[in-house]
């Protein structure tokens, strides 16, 4: 029986989805790569990239596991997955979080299915392309219509969901990364003020810093519909920001813009980017939200710069007295330039 129960709720799993769960449970706490999972669960078969994504989505749905705050299956970006919850094979085992899976019979059944797939794979290699296509759709199994991409991965169905990836530093000076990071964080903070949007936290978005990413992967892994990415170039008193909003379900651009301003206009520039993006998503700002986004805690750009430097160093926090003193000194310089800059 391919069934999984959580509390009083029991759901039936497809054989391949159960096999995926069994494989992960046998390696609980360990990171399992996509290649390992595809090689075991679809042994002897050629499958597309989405096959594993769909199976993971079905498994999470069955276990009521939120991909943004996983308690059972954790996504390891660009690598694979890890079972972080404790899965019990009998009533006597510890359960966390309140998950009970009937695996004994499923494991026995999956061994039988695995042997059949190996024999089938040998036959398929000698058949024509038409048979390969038939094998892809697995007509020997009961057909269940797969949900759309949005249904599978997006928890925010009532309003647009957005992840803001770290803006790339194009200033030609690695030390200027604190500035591009600061711009990104300000955008995340301002977007989070918009009640018509759901915005992924900085900690999740910054996990993709300086990594080659496909926005469609980001959308699946973070459970968002849209991804905002861009770059910052600072040269003297000139600042250029480029930004592009992409639909993660299709990879298509929803909106893109490039803005060149003097450094003293950097706050107005950020506000303009926010308004353009919100408009592209057809989200209406309230008067209070407009005022919040336009409001800045300081108009002193030098104080703002010291603040961004302090924030960058504080993220690499250390108990070393020298690092502590350096961070506090930068904050104090910002306050000295603008005592109201809390």
C-alpha atoms as a PDB file:
ATOM      1  CA  UNK A   1       0.000   0.000   0.000  1.00  0.00           C
ATOM      2  CA  UNK A   2       1.445   3.318  -1.042  1.00  0.00           C
ATOM      3  CA  UNK A   3       0.020   5.468   1.705  1.00  0.00           C
ATOM      4  CA  UNK A   4       1.420   8.147   3.985  1.00  0.00           C
ATOM      5  CA  UNK A   5      -0.288   9.521   7.056  1.00  0.00           C
ATOM      6  CA  UNK A   6       0.220  12.690   9.007  1.00  0.00           C
ATOM      7  CA  UNK A   7      -1.784  12.749  12.191  1.00  0.00           C
ATOM      8  CA  UNK A   8      -5.293  11.605  11.293  1.00  0.00           C
ATOM      9  CA  UNK A   9      -4.886  12.414   7.599  1.00  0.00           C
ATOM     10  CA  UNK A  10      -3.895   9.637   5.220  1.00  0.00           C
ATOM     11  CA  UNK A  11      -3.110  10.136   1.539  1.00  0.00           C
ATOM     12  CA  UNK A  12      -2.354   7.710  -1.273  1.00  0.00           C
ATOM     13  CA  UNK A  13       0.923   8.195  -3.110  1.00  0.00           C
ATOM     14  CA  UNK A  14       1.860   7.135  -6.609  1.00  0.00           C
ATOM     15  CA  UNK A  15       4.384   4.259  -6.593  1.00  0.00           C
ATOM     16  CA  UNK A  16       7.210   6.458  -7.856  1.00  0.00           C
ATOM     17  CA  UNK A  17       6.477   9.181  -5.303  1.00  0.00           C
ATOM     18  CA  UNK A  18       6.546   6.585  -2.532  1.00  0.00           C
ATOM     19  CA  UNK A  19       9.803   5.209  -3.874  1.00  0.00           C
ATOM     20  CA  UNK A  20      11.266   8.719  -3.687  1.00  0.00           C
ATOM     21  CA  UNK A  21      10.161   9.017  -0.061  1.00  0.00           C
ATOM     22  CA  UNK A  22      11.620   5.622   0.823  1.00  0.00           C
ATOM     23  CA  UNK A  23      14.952   6.548  -0.759  1.00  0.00           C
ATOM     24  CA  UNK A  24      15.108   9.856   1.132  1.00  0.00           C
ATOM     25  CA  UNK A  25      14.074   8.267   4.433  1.00  0.00           C
ATOM     26  CA  UNK A  26      16.868   5.708   4.173  1.00  0.00           C
ATOM     27  CA  UNK A  27      19.288   8.639   3.966  1.00  0.00           C
ATOM     28  CA  UNK A  28      17.587  10.928   6.472  1.00  0.00           C
ATOM     29  CA  UNK A  29      19.708  13.928   7.410  1.00  0.00           C
ATOM     30  CA  UNK A  30      21.996  13.510   4.395  1.00  0.00           C
ATOM     31  CA  UNK A  31      22.017  15.578   1.232  1.00  0.00           C
ATOM     32  CA  UNK A  32      20.957  13.500  -1.772  1.00  0.00           C
ATOM     33  CA  UNK A  33      21.812  14.884  -5.212  1.00  0.00           C
ATOM     34  CA  UNK A  34      19.364  15.169  -8.085  1.00  0.00           C
ATOM     35  CA  UNK A  35      21.472  12.642 -10.031  1.00  0.00           C
ATOM     36  CA  UNK A  36      21.193  10.087  -7.221  1.00  0.00           C
ATOM     37  CA  UNK A  37      17.443  10.474  -6.969  1.00  0.00           C
ATOM     38  CA  UNK A  38      16.863  10.353 -10.717  1.00  0.00           C
ATOM     39  CA  UNK A  39      19.155   7.341 -11.066  1.00  0.00           C
ATOM     40  CA  UNK A  40      17.348   5.402  -8.339  1.00  0.00           C
ATOM     41  CA  UNK A  41      13.710   6.440  -8.667  1.00  0.00           C
ATOM     42  CA  UNK A  42      13.716   6.412 -12.494  1.00  0.00           C
ATOM     43  CA  UNK A  43      16.332   3.671 -12.899  1.00  0.00           C
ATOM     44  CA  UNK A  44      16.854   2.685 -16.518  1.00  0.00           C
ATOM     45  CA  UNK A  45      14.675   5.500 -17.838  1.00  0.00           C
ATOM     46  CA  UNK A  46      15.415   8.827 -19.488  1.00  0.00           C
ATOM     47  CA  UNK A  47      13.445  11.584 -17.756  1.00  0.00           C
ATOM     48  CA  UNK A  48      13.156  15.338 -18.072  1.00  0.00           C
ATOM     49  CA  UNK A  49      14.317  17.928 -15.566  1.00  0.00           C
ATOM     50  CA  UNK A  50      10.808  18.489 -14.220  1.00  0.00           C
ATOM     51  CA  UNK A  51      10.147  14.857 -13.321  1.00  0.00           C
ATOM     52  CA  UNK A  52      11.929  15.088  -9.975  1.00  0.00           C
ATOM     53  CA  UNK A  53      10.551  18.569  -9.262  1.00  0.00           C
ATOM     54  CA  UNK A  54       7.005  17.309  -9.794  1.00  0.00           C
ATOM     55  CA  UNK A  55       7.555  14.269  -7.582  1.00  0.00           C
ATOM     56  CA  UNK A  56       9.013  16.413  -4.768  1.00  0.00           C
ATOM     57  CA  UNK A  57       6.074  18.813  -5.073  1.00  0.00           C
ATOM     58  CA  UNK A  58       3.554  15.964  -4.825  1.00  0.00           C
ATOM     59  CA  UNK A  59       5.392  14.560  -1.812  1.00  0.00           C
ATOM     60  CA  UNK A  60       5.455  17.918  -0.034  1.00  0.00           C
ATOM     61  CA  UNK A  61       1.766  18.407  -0.748  1.00  0.00           C
ATOM     62  CA  UNK A  62       0.963  14.984   0.668  1.00  0.00           C
ATOM     63  CA  UNK A  63       2.948  15.717   3.836  1.00  0.00           C
ATOM     64  CA  UNK A  64       1.692  19.341   4.111  1.00  0.00           C
ATOM     65  CA  UNK A  65       5.304  20.534   4.058  1.00  0.00           C
ATOM     66  CA  UNK A  66       5.944  24.212   3.215  1.00  0.00           C
ATOM     67  CA  UNK A  67       8.999  24.573   0.880  1.00  0.00           C
ATOM     68  CA  UNK A  68       9.674  28.038   2.323  1.00  0.00           C
ATOM     69  CA  UNK A  69       9.886  26.695   5.873  1.00  0.00           C
ATOM     70  CA  UNK A  70      10.568  22.990   5.397  1.00  0.00           C
ATOM     71  CA  UNK A  71      10.072  20.639   8.311  1.00  0.00           C
ATOM     72  CA  UNK A  72      10.355  17.443   6.310  1.00  0.00           C
ATOM     73  CA  UNK A  73      12.066  17.920   2.921  1.00  0.00           C
ATOM     74  CA  UNK A  74      14.660  20.665   2.532  1.00  0.00           C
ATOM     75  CA  UNK A  75      15.852  21.930  -0.853  1.00  0.00           C
ATOM     76  CA  UNK A  76      19.632  22.311  -1.152  1.00  0.00           C
ATOM     77  CA  UNK A  77      19.980  24.923  -3.953  1.00  0.00           C
ATOM     78  CA  UNK A  78      21.814  23.674  -7.061  1.00  0.00           C
ATOM     79  CA  UNK A  79      22.505  20.296  -5.366  1.00  0.00           C
ATOM     80  CA  UNK A  80      19.465  18.268  -4.370  1.00  0.00           C
ATOM     81  CA  UNK A  81      17.316  17.530  -1.308  1.00  0.00           C
ATOM     82  CA  UNK A  82      17.599  16.419   2.302  1.00  0.00           C
ATOM     83  CA  UNK A  83      15.052  14.754   4.572  1.00  0.00           C
ATOM     84  CA  UNK A  84      15.129  16.784   7.783  1.00  0.00           C
ATOM     85  CA  UNK A  85      12.040  15.333   9.482  1.00  0.00           C
ATOM     86  CA  UNK A  86      12.089  11.976  11.252  1.00  0.00           C
ATOM     87  CA  UNK A  87      10.107   9.348   9.384  1.00  0.00           C
ATOM     88  CA  UNK A  88       8.896   6.371  11.399  1.00  0.00           C
ATOM     89  CA  UNK A  89       8.379   2.863  10.044  1.00  0.00           C
ATOM     90  CA  UNK A  90       6.382   1.722  13.075  1.00  0.00           C
ATOM     91  CA  UNK A  91       4.282   3.245  15.788  1.00  0.00           C
ATOM     92  CA  UNK A  92       7.062   2.903  18.332  1.00  0.00           C
ATOM     93  CA  UNK A  93       9.445   5.251  16.557  1.00  0.00           C
ATOM     94  CA  UNK A  94       9.835   8.929  17.342  1.00  0.00           C
ATOM     95  CA  UNK A  95       8.048  11.249  14.960  1.00  0.00           C
ATOM     96  CA  UNK A  96       8.966  14.793  13.996  1.00  0.00           C
ATOM     97  CA  UNK A  97       6.951  16.597  12.895  1.00  0.00           C
ATOM     98  CA  UNK A  98       3.929  14.309  13.578  1.00  0.00           C
ATOM     99  CA  UNK A  99       4.511  12.272  10.447  1.00  0.00           C
ATOM    100  CA  UNK A 100       3.900   8.530  10.175  1.00  0.00           C
ATOM    101  CA  UNK A 101       4.600   6.660   6.974  1.00  0.00           C
ATOM    102  CA  UNK A 102       3.784   3.043   6.197  1.00  0.00           C
ATOM    103  CA  UNK A 103       7.004   2.058   4.476  1.00  0.00           C
ATOM    104  CA  UNK A 104       7.466  -1.661   5.048  1.00  0.00           C
ATOM    105  CA  UNK A 105       4.985  -2.829   2.431  1.00  0.00           C
ATOM    106  CA  UNK A 106       5.902   0.050   0.152  1.00  0.00           C
ATOM    107  CA  UNK A 107       9.578  -0.887   0.204  1.00  0.00           C
ATOM    108  CA  UNK A 108       8.718  -4.477  -0.721  1.00  0.00           C
ATOM    109  CA  UNK A 109       6.475  -3.272  -3.528  1.00  0.00           C
ATOM    110  CA  UNK A 110       9.101  -0.832  -4.802  1.00  0.00           C
ATOM    111  CA  UNK A 111      11.707  -3.583  -5.099  1.00  0.00           C
ATOM    112  CA  UNK A 112       9.301  -5.447  -7.362  1.00  0.00           C
ATOM    113  CA  UNK A 113       8.600  -2.286  -9.386  1.00  0.00           C
ATOM    114  CA  UNK A 114      12.345  -1.644  -9.666  1.00  0.00           C
ATOM    115  CA  UNK A 115      13.014  -5.106 -11.136  1.00  0.00           C
ATOM    116  CA  UNK A 116      10.228  -4.633 -13.638  1.00  0.00           C
ATOM    117  CA  UNK A 117      11.654  -1.268 -14.705  1.00  0.00           C
ATOM    118  CA  UNK A 118      15.094  -2.758 -15.291  1.00  0.00           C
ATOM    119  CA  UNK A 119      13.654  -5.466 -17.552  1.00  0.00           C
ATOM    120  CA  UNK A 120      11.460  -2.898 -19.308  1.00  0.00           C
ATOM    121  CA  UNK A 121      14.438  -0.582 -19.867  1.00  0.00           C
ATOM    122  CA  UNK A 122      16.365  -3.322 -21.706  1.00  0.00           C
ATOM    123  CA  UNK A 123      13.434  -3.803 -24.058  1.00  0.00           C
ATOM    124  CA  UNK A 124      12.874  -0.089 -24.578  1.00  0.00           C
ATOM    125  CA  UNK A 125      16.468   0.465 -25.737  1.00  0.00           C
ATOM    126  CA  UNK A 126      15.757  -1.616 -28.807  1.00  0.00           C
ATOM    127  CA  UNK A 127      12.441  -0.069 -29.710  1.00  0.00           C
ATOM    128  CA  UNK A 128      11.609   2.875 -31.903  1.00  0.00           C
ATOM    129  CA  UNK A 129      11.109   6.470 -30.772  1.00  0.00           C
ATOM    130  CA  UNK A 130       7.344   6.071 -30.631  1.00  0.00           C
ATOM    131  CA  UNK A 131       7.636   3.402 -27.931  1.00  0.00           C
ATOM    132  CA  UNK A 132      10.033   5.629 -25.981  1.00  0.00           C
ATOM    133  CA  UNK A 133       7.405   8.391 -26.010  1.00  0.00           C
ATOM    134  CA  UNK A 134       4.785   5.928 -24.778  1.00  0.00           C
ATOM    135  CA  UNK A 135       7.123   4.882 -21.963  1.00  0.00           C
ATOM    136  CA  UNK A 136       7.574   8.533 -20.995  1.00  0.00           C
ATOM    137  CA  UNK A 137       3.836   8.877 -20.296  1.00  0.00           C
ATOM    138  CA  UNK A 138       3.698   5.514 -18.485  1.00  0.00           C
ATOM    139  CA  UNK A 139       0.285   4.337 -19.745  1.00  0.00           C
ATOM    140  CA  UNK A 140       0.455   1.240 -17.523  1.00  0.00           C
ATOM    141  CA  UNK A 141      -0.130   3.465 -14.500  1.00  0.00           C
ATOM    142  CA  UNK A 142      -3.393   5.133 -13.623  1.00  0.00           C
ATOM    143  CA  UNK A 143      -3.291   8.600 -15.132  1.00  0.00           C
ATOM    144  CA  UNK A 144      -3.692  11.513 -12.763  1.00  0.00           C
ATOM    145  CA  UNK A 145      -3.630  14.955 -14.313  1.00  0.00           C
ATOM    146  CA  UNK A 146      -0.573  16.845 -13.133  1.00  0.00           C
ATOM    147  CA  UNK A 147      -1.281  20.268 -11.664  1.00  0.00           C
ATOM    148  CA  UNK A 148       0.054  23.316 -13.426  1.00  0.00           C
ATOM    149  CA  UNK A 149       3.389  24.838 -12.445  1.00  0.00           C
ATOM    150  CA  UNK A 150       1.644  27.515 -10.416  1.00  0.00           C
ATOM    151  CA  UNK A 151      -0.458  24.954  -8.531  1.00  0.00           C
ATOM    152  CA  UNK A 152       2.587  22.846  -7.746  1.00  0.00           C
ATOM    153  CA  UNK A 153       4.993  25.406  -6.402  1.00  0.00           C
ATOM    154  CA  UNK A 154       3.367  28.694  -5.520  1.00  0.00           C
ATOM    155  CA  UNK A 155       1.920  29.047  -2.021  1.00  0.00           C
ATOM    156  CA  UNK A 156       0.934  32.686  -2.637  1.00  0.00           C
ATOM    157  CA  UNK A 157      -2.115  32.326  -4.842  1.00  0.00           C
ATOM    158  CA  UNK A 158      -3.921  35.399  -3.526  1.00  0.00           C
ATOM    159  CA  UNK A 159      -1.233  37.959  -4.446  1.00  0.00           C
ATOM    160  CA  UNK A 160       2.014  38.163  -6.466  1.00  0.00           C
ATOM    161  CA  UNK A 161       5.041  36.607  -4.759  1.00  0.00           C
ATOM    162  CA  UNK A 162       8.523  38.021  -5.385  1.00  0.00           C
ATOM    163  CA  UNK A 163      12.130  37.127  -4.621  1.00  0.00           C
ATOM    164  CA  UNK A 164      14.731  39.907  -4.977  1.00  0.00           C
ATOM    165  CA  UNK A 165      18.111  38.391  -5.834  1.00  0.00           C
ATOM    166  CA  UNK A 166      21.311  40.214  -4.792  1.00  0.00           C
ATOM    167  CA  UNK A 167      22.060  42.924  -7.335  1.00  0.00           C
ATOM    168  CA  UNK A 168      25.394  42.434  -9.079  1.00  0.00           C
ATOM    169  CA  UNK A 169      28.194  44.884  -8.302  1.00  0.00           C
ATOM    170  CA  UNK A 170      29.461  46.283 -11.629  1.00  0.00           C
ATOM    171  CA  UNK A 171      31.497  49.122 -10.147  1.00  0.00           C
ATOM    172  CA  UNK A 172      34.819  47.496 -11.001  1.00  0.00           C
ATOM    173  CA  UNK A 173      35.760  47.471  -7.311  1.00  0.00           C
ATOM    174  CA  UNK A 174      34.947  44.445  -5.150  1.00  0.00           C
ATOM    175  CA  UNK A 175      34.887  46.707  -2.101  1.00  0.00           C
ATOM    176  CA  UNK A 176      31.780  48.383  -3.505  1.00  0.00           C
ATOM    177  CA  UNK A 177      29.731  45.236  -2.997  1.00  0.00           C
ATOM    178  CA  UNK A 178      28.429  46.653   0.272  1.00  0.00           C
ATOM    179  CA  UNK A 179      26.685  49.345  -1.785  1.00  0.00           C
ATOM    180  CA  UNK A 180      24.958  46.961  -4.209  1.00  0.00           C
ATOM    181  CA  UNK A 181      23.935  44.758  -1.266  1.00  0.00           C
ATOM    182  CA  UNK A 182      22.528  47.808   0.494  1.00  0.00           C
ATOM    183  CA  UNK A 183      20.466  48.757  -2.553  1.00  0.00           C
ATOM    184  CA  UNK A 184      19.106  45.206  -2.723  1.00  0.00           C
ATOM    185  CA  UNK A 185      18.164  45.170   0.952  1.00  0.00           C
ATOM    186  CA  UNK A 186      16.430  48.538   0.671  1.00  0.00           C
ATOM    187  CA  UNK A 187      14.374  47.209  -2.237  1.00  0.00           C
ATOM    188  CA  UNK A 188      13.405  44.107  -0.231  1.00  0.00           C
ATOM    189  CA  UNK A 189      12.445  46.278   2.738  1.00  0.00           C
ATOM    190  CA  UNK A 190      10.346  48.647   0.617  1.00  0.00           C
ATOM    191  CA  UNK A 191       8.592  45.854  -1.281  1.00  0.00           C
ATOM    192  CA  UNK A 192       7.753  44.143   2.015  1.00  0.00           C
ATOM    193  CA  UNK A 193       5.778  47.272   2.954  1.00  0.00           C
ATOM    194  CA  UNK A 194       3.381  46.658   0.053  1.00  0.00           C
ATOM    195  CA  UNK A 195       0.369  44.718   1.322  1.00  0.00           C
ATOM    196  CA  UNK A 196      -0.426  43.496  -2.197  1.00  0.00           C
ATOM    197  CA  UNK A 197       2.864  41.567  -2.461  1.00  0.00           C
ATOM    198  CA  UNK A 198       4.457  38.577  -0.724  1.00  0.00           C
ATOM    199  CA  UNK A 199       8.229  39.065  -0.558  1.00  0.00           C
ATOM    200  CA  UNK A 200      10.834  36.431   0.262  1.00  0.00           C
ATOM    201  CA  UNK A 201      13.182  37.339   3.130  1.00  0.00           C
ATOM    202  CA  UNK A 202      16.747  38.511   2.533  1.00  0.00           C
ATOM    203  CA  UNK A 203      18.296  35.356   4.038  1.00  0.00           C
ATOM    204  CA  UNK A 204      16.657  33.160   1.399  1.00  0.00           C
ATOM    205  CA  UNK A 205      17.308  35.493  -1.549  1.00  0.00           C
ATOM    206  CA  UNK A 206      20.975  36.078  -0.680  1.00  0.00           C
ATOM    207  CA  UNK A 207      21.642  32.330  -0.751  1.00  0.00           C
ATOM    208  CA  UNK A 208      21.891  32.815  -4.535  1.00  0.00           C
ATOM    209  CA  UNK A 209      24.587  35.500  -4.378  1.00  0.00           C
ATOM    210  CA  UNK A 210      27.157  35.199  -7.183  1.00  0.00           C
ATOM    211  CA  UNK A 211      25.801  31.811  -8.263  1.00  0.00           C
ATOM    212  CA  UNK A 212      24.746  31.072 -11.830  1.00  0.00           C
ATOM    213  CA  UNK A 213      21.000  30.719 -11.510  1.00  0.00           C
ATOM    214  CA  UNK A 214      18.027  29.990 -13.696  1.00  0.00           C
ATOM    215  CA  UNK A 215      15.095  32.077 -12.489  1.00  0.00           C
ATOM    216  CA  UNK A 216      12.817  29.100 -13.082  1.00  0.00           C
ATOM    217  CA  UNK A 217      14.854  27.107 -10.576  1.00  0.00           C
ATOM    218  CA  UNK A 218      14.684  30.006  -8.124  1.00  0.00           C
ATOM    219  CA  UNK A 219      10.923  30.158  -8.535  1.00  0.00           C
ATOM    220  CA  UNK A 220      10.555  26.431  -7.822  1.00  0.00           C
ATOM    221  CA  UNK A 221      12.965  26.401  -4.897  1.00  0.00           C
ATOM    222  CA  UNK A 222      11.624  29.526  -3.164  1.00  0.00           C
ATOM    223  CA  UNK A 223       8.004  29.083  -4.199  1.00  0.00           C
ATOM    224  CA  UNK A 224       7.618  32.460  -5.914  1.00  0.00           C
ATOM    225  CA  UNK A 225       6.026  33.596  -9.150  1.00  0.00           C
ATOM    226  CA  UNK A 226       8.364  36.510  -9.900  1.00  0.00           C
ATOM    227  CA  UNK A 227      12.098  37.169  -9.552  1.00  0.00           C
ATOM    228  CA  UNK A 228      13.688  40.622  -9.518  1.00  0.00           C
ATOM    229  CA  UNK A 229      17.368  40.775 -10.455  1.00  0.00           C
ATOM    230  CA  UNK A 230      19.687  43.539 -11.563  1.00  0.00           C
ATOM    231  CA  UNK A 231      22.987  45.337 -11.157  1.00  0.00           C
ATOM    232  CA  UNK A 232      24.454  48.468  -9.577  1.00  0.00           C
ATOM    233  CA  UNK A 233      27.295  50.537 -11.004  1.00  0.00           C
ATOM    234  CA  UNK A 234      28.756  53.377  -8.939  1.00  0.00           C
ATOM    235  CA  UNK A 235      31.388  55.692 -10.383  1.00  0.00           C
ATOM    236  CA  UNK A 236      32.205  58.939  -8.606  1.00  0.00           C
ATOM    237  CA  UNK A 237      28.911  60.719  -8.013  1.00  0.00           C
ATOM    238  CA  UNK A 238      27.097  58.692 -10.700  1.00  0.00           C
ATOM    239  CA  UNK A 239      24.941  55.667  -9.984  1.00  0.00           C
ATOM    240  CA  UNK A 240      23.377  53.344 -12.527  1.00  0.00           C
ATOM    241  CA  UNK A 241      20.823  50.723 -11.576  1.00  0.00           C
ATOM    242  CA  UNK A 242      19.429  48.166 -13.981  1.00  0.00           C
ATOM    243  CA  UNK A 243      16.556  45.940 -12.923  1.00  0.00           C
ATOM    244  CA  UNK A 244      14.445  43.275 -14.568  1.00  0.00           C
ATOM    245  CA  UNK A 245      11.368  41.530 -13.290  1.00  0.00           C
ATOM    246  CA  UNK A 246      10.976  37.997 -14.633  1.00  0.00           C
ATOM    247  CA  UNK A 247       8.065  35.587 -14.539  1.00  0.00           C
ATOM    248  CA  UNK A 248       9.640  32.459 -13.047  1.00  0.00           C
ATOM    249  CA  UNK A 249       7.008  30.199 -14.581  1.00  0.00           C
ATOM    250  CA  UNK A 250       7.965  31.134 -18.150  1.00  0.00           C
ATOM    251  CA  UNK A 251      11.354  32.863 -17.901  1.00  0.00           C
ATOM    252  CA  UNK A 252       9.927  35.889 -19.705  1.00  0.00           C
ATOM    253  CA  UNK A 253      10.500  39.524 -18.785  1.00  0.00           C
ATOM    254  CA  UNK A 254       7.578  41.336 -17.215  1.00  0.00           C
ATOM    255  CA  UNK A 255       9.395  44.647 -16.892  1.00  0.00           C
ATOM    256  CA  UNK A 256      12.947  45.996 -17.209  1.00  0.00           C
ATOM    257  CA  UNK A 257      14.508  49.401 -16.707  1.00  0.00           C
ATOM    258  CA  UNK A 258      17.835  51.208 -16.522  1.00  0.00           C
ATOM    259  CA  UNK A 259      18.298  54.358 -14.462  1.00  0.00           C
ATOM    260  CA  UNK A 260      21.217  56.788 -14.328  1.00  0.00           C
ATOM    261  CA  UNK A 261      21.236  59.316 -11.494  1.00  0.00           C
ATOM    262  CA  UNK A 262      23.537  61.401  -9.385  1.00  0.00           C
ATOM    263  CA  UNK A 263      24.451  59.774  -6.097  1.00  0.00           C
ATOM    264  CA  UNK A 264      22.426  62.354  -4.173  1.00  0.00           C
ATOM    265  CA  UNK A 265      19.335  61.032  -5.994  1.00  0.00           C
ATOM    266  CA  UNK A 266      19.881  57.421  -4.935  1.00  0.00           C
ATOM    267  CA  UNK A 267      16.834  57.370  -2.626  1.00  0.00           C
ATOM    268  CA  UNK A 268      14.541  58.743  -5.319  1.00  0.00           C
ATOM    269  CA  UNK A 269      16.014  56.191  -7.719  1.00  0.00           C
ATOM    270  CA  UNK A 270      15.108  53.299  -5.407  1.00  0.00           C
ATOM    271  CA  UNK A 271      11.578  54.639  -5.020  1.00  0.00           C
ATOM    272  CA  UNK A 272      11.195  54.868  -8.790  1.00  0.00           C
ATOM    273  CA  UNK A 273      12.292  51.253  -9.265  1.00  0.00           C
ATOM    274  CA  UNK A 274       9.745  50.114  -6.666  1.00  0.00           C
ATOM    275  CA  UNK A 275       6.897  52.047  -8.268  1.00  0.00           C
ATOM    276  CA  UNK A 276       7.695  50.808 -11.773  1.00  0.00           C
ATOM    277  CA  UNK A 277       7.847  47.220 -10.581  1.00  0.00           C
ATOM    278  CA  UNK A 278       4.632  47.428  -8.579  1.00  0.00           C
ATOM    279  CA  UNK A 279       2.887  49.009 -11.555  1.00  0.00           C
ATOM    280  CA  UNK A 280       4.095  46.169 -13.815  1.00  0.00           C
ATOM    281  CA  UNK A 281       2.458  43.691 -11.420  1.00  0.00           C
ATOM    282  CA  UNK A 282      -0.794  45.704 -11.470  1.00  0.00           C
ATOM    283  CA  UNK A 283      -0.608  46.183  -7.703  1.00  0.00           C
ATOM    284  CA  UNK A 284      -2.190  49.351  -6.338  1.00  0.00           C
ATOM    285  CA  UNK A 285      -0.352  51.208  -3.579  1.00  0.00           C
ATOM    286  CA  UNK A 286      -2.306  52.801  -0.780  1.00  0.00           C
ATOM    287  CA  UNK A 287      -1.524  56.376   0.200  1.00  0.00           C
ATOM    288  CA  UNK A 288       0.098  55.099   3.395  1.00  0.00           C
ATOM    289  CA  UNK A 289       2.292  52.675   1.427  1.00  0.00           C
ATOM    290  CA  UNK A 290       3.404  55.420  -0.955  1.00  0.00           C
ATOM    291  CA  UNK A 291       4.389  57.559   2.014  1.00  0.00           C
ATOM    292  CA  UNK A 292       6.254  54.681   3.671  1.00  0.00           C
ATOM    293  CA  UNK A 293       8.230  53.866   0.541  1.00  0.00           C
ATOM    294  CA  UNK A 294       9.133  57.520  -0.073  1.00  0.00           C
ATOM    295  CA  UNK A 295      10.138  58.088   3.550  1.00  0.00           C
ATOM    296  CA  UNK A 296      13.828  57.716   4.390  1.00  0.00           C
ATOM    297  CA  UNK A 297      15.359  57.557   7.837  1.00  0.00           C
ATOM    298  CA  UNK A 298      18.106  59.931   6.746  1.00  0.00           C
ATOM    299  CA  UNK A 299      18.803  62.326   3.919  1.00  0.00           C
ATOM    300  CA  UNK A 300      22.472  62.460   4.789  1.00  0.00           C
ATOM    301  CA  UNK A 301      24.151  60.347   2.109  1.00  0.00           C
ATOM    302  CA  UNK A 302      27.446  60.138   3.967  1.00  0.00           C
ATOM    303  CA  UNK A 303      25.651  58.801   7.048  1.00  0.00           C
ATOM    304  CA  UNK A 304      23.796  56.348   4.792  1.00  0.00           C
ATOM    305  CA  UNK A 305      27.088  55.168   3.302  1.00  0.00           C
ATOM    306  CA  UNK A 306      28.613  54.532   6.744  1.00  0.00           C
ATOM    307  CA  UNK A 307      25.459  52.650   7.699  1.00  0.00           C
ATOM    308  CA  UNK A 308      25.718  50.369   4.643  1.00  0.00           C
ATOM    309  CA  UNK A 309      29.384  49.671   5.391  1.00  0.00           C
ATOM    310  CA  UNK A 310      28.542  48.799   8.995  1.00  0.00           C
ATOM    311  CA  UNK A 311      25.720  46.486   7.907  1.00  0.00           C
ATOM    312  CA  UNK A 312      28.024  44.662   5.472  1.00  0.00           C
ATOM    313  CA  UNK A 313      30.658  44.084   8.158  1.00  0.00           C
ATOM    314  CA  UNK A 314      28.077  43.122  10.764  1.00  0.00           C
ATOM    315  CA  UNK A 315      26.836  40.270   8.556  1.00  0.00           C
ATOM    316  CA  UNK A 316      30.243  38.663   8.809  1.00  0.00           C
ATOM    317  CA  UNK A 317      29.926  39.056  12.562  1.00  0.00           C
ATOM    318  CA  UNK A 318      32.728  37.880  14.798  1.00  0.00           C
ATOM    319  CA  UNK A 319      33.373  38.128  18.533  1.00  0.00           C
ATOM    320  CA  UNK A 320      36.864  39.378  17.788  1.00  0.00           C
ATOM    321  CA  UNK A 321      37.284  42.755  19.557  1.00  0.00           C
ATOM    322  CA  UNK A 322      38.777  44.350  16.457  1.00  0.00           C
ATOM    323  CA  UNK A 323      35.797  43.428  14.268  1.00  0.00           C
ATOM    324  CA  UNK A 324      33.326  44.512  16.947  1.00  0.00           C
ATOM    325  CA  UNK A 325      35.078  47.845  17.367  1.00  0.00           C
ATOM    326  CA  UNK A 326      35.148  48.409  13.600  1.00  0.00           C
ATOM    327  CA  UNK A 327      31.424  47.792  13.188  1.00  0.00           C
ATOM    328  CA  UNK A 328      30.476  50.012  16.109  1.00  0.00           C
ATOM    329  CA  UNK A 329      32.774  52.768  14.870  1.00  0.00           C
ATOM    330  CA  UNK A 330      30.990  52.849  11.493  1.00  0.00           C
ATOM    331  CA  UNK A 331      27.567  53.005  13.144  1.00  0.00           C
ATOM    332  CA  UNK A 332      28.758  55.816  15.411  1.00  0.00           C
ATOM    333  CA  UNK A 333      30.037  57.810  12.434  1.00  0.00           C
ATOM    334  CA  UNK A 334      26.613  57.508  10.802  1.00  0.00           C
ATOM    335  CA  UNK A 335      24.894  58.709  13.976  1.00  0.00           C
ATOM    336  CA  UNK A 336      27.367  61.578  14.372  1.00  0.00           C
ATOM    337  CA  UNK A 337      26.517  62.821  10.891  1.00  0.00           C
ATOM    338  CA  UNK A 338      22.769  62.462  11.520  1.00  0.00           C
ATOM    339  CA  UNK A 339      21.772  62.027  15.211  1.00  0.00           C
ATOM    340  CA  UNK A 340      18.170  61.315  14.143  1.00  0.00           C
ATOM    341  CA  UNK A 341      19.262  58.375  11.988  1.00  0.00           C
ATOM    342  CA  UNK A 342      18.143  55.655  14.410  1.00  0.00           C
END
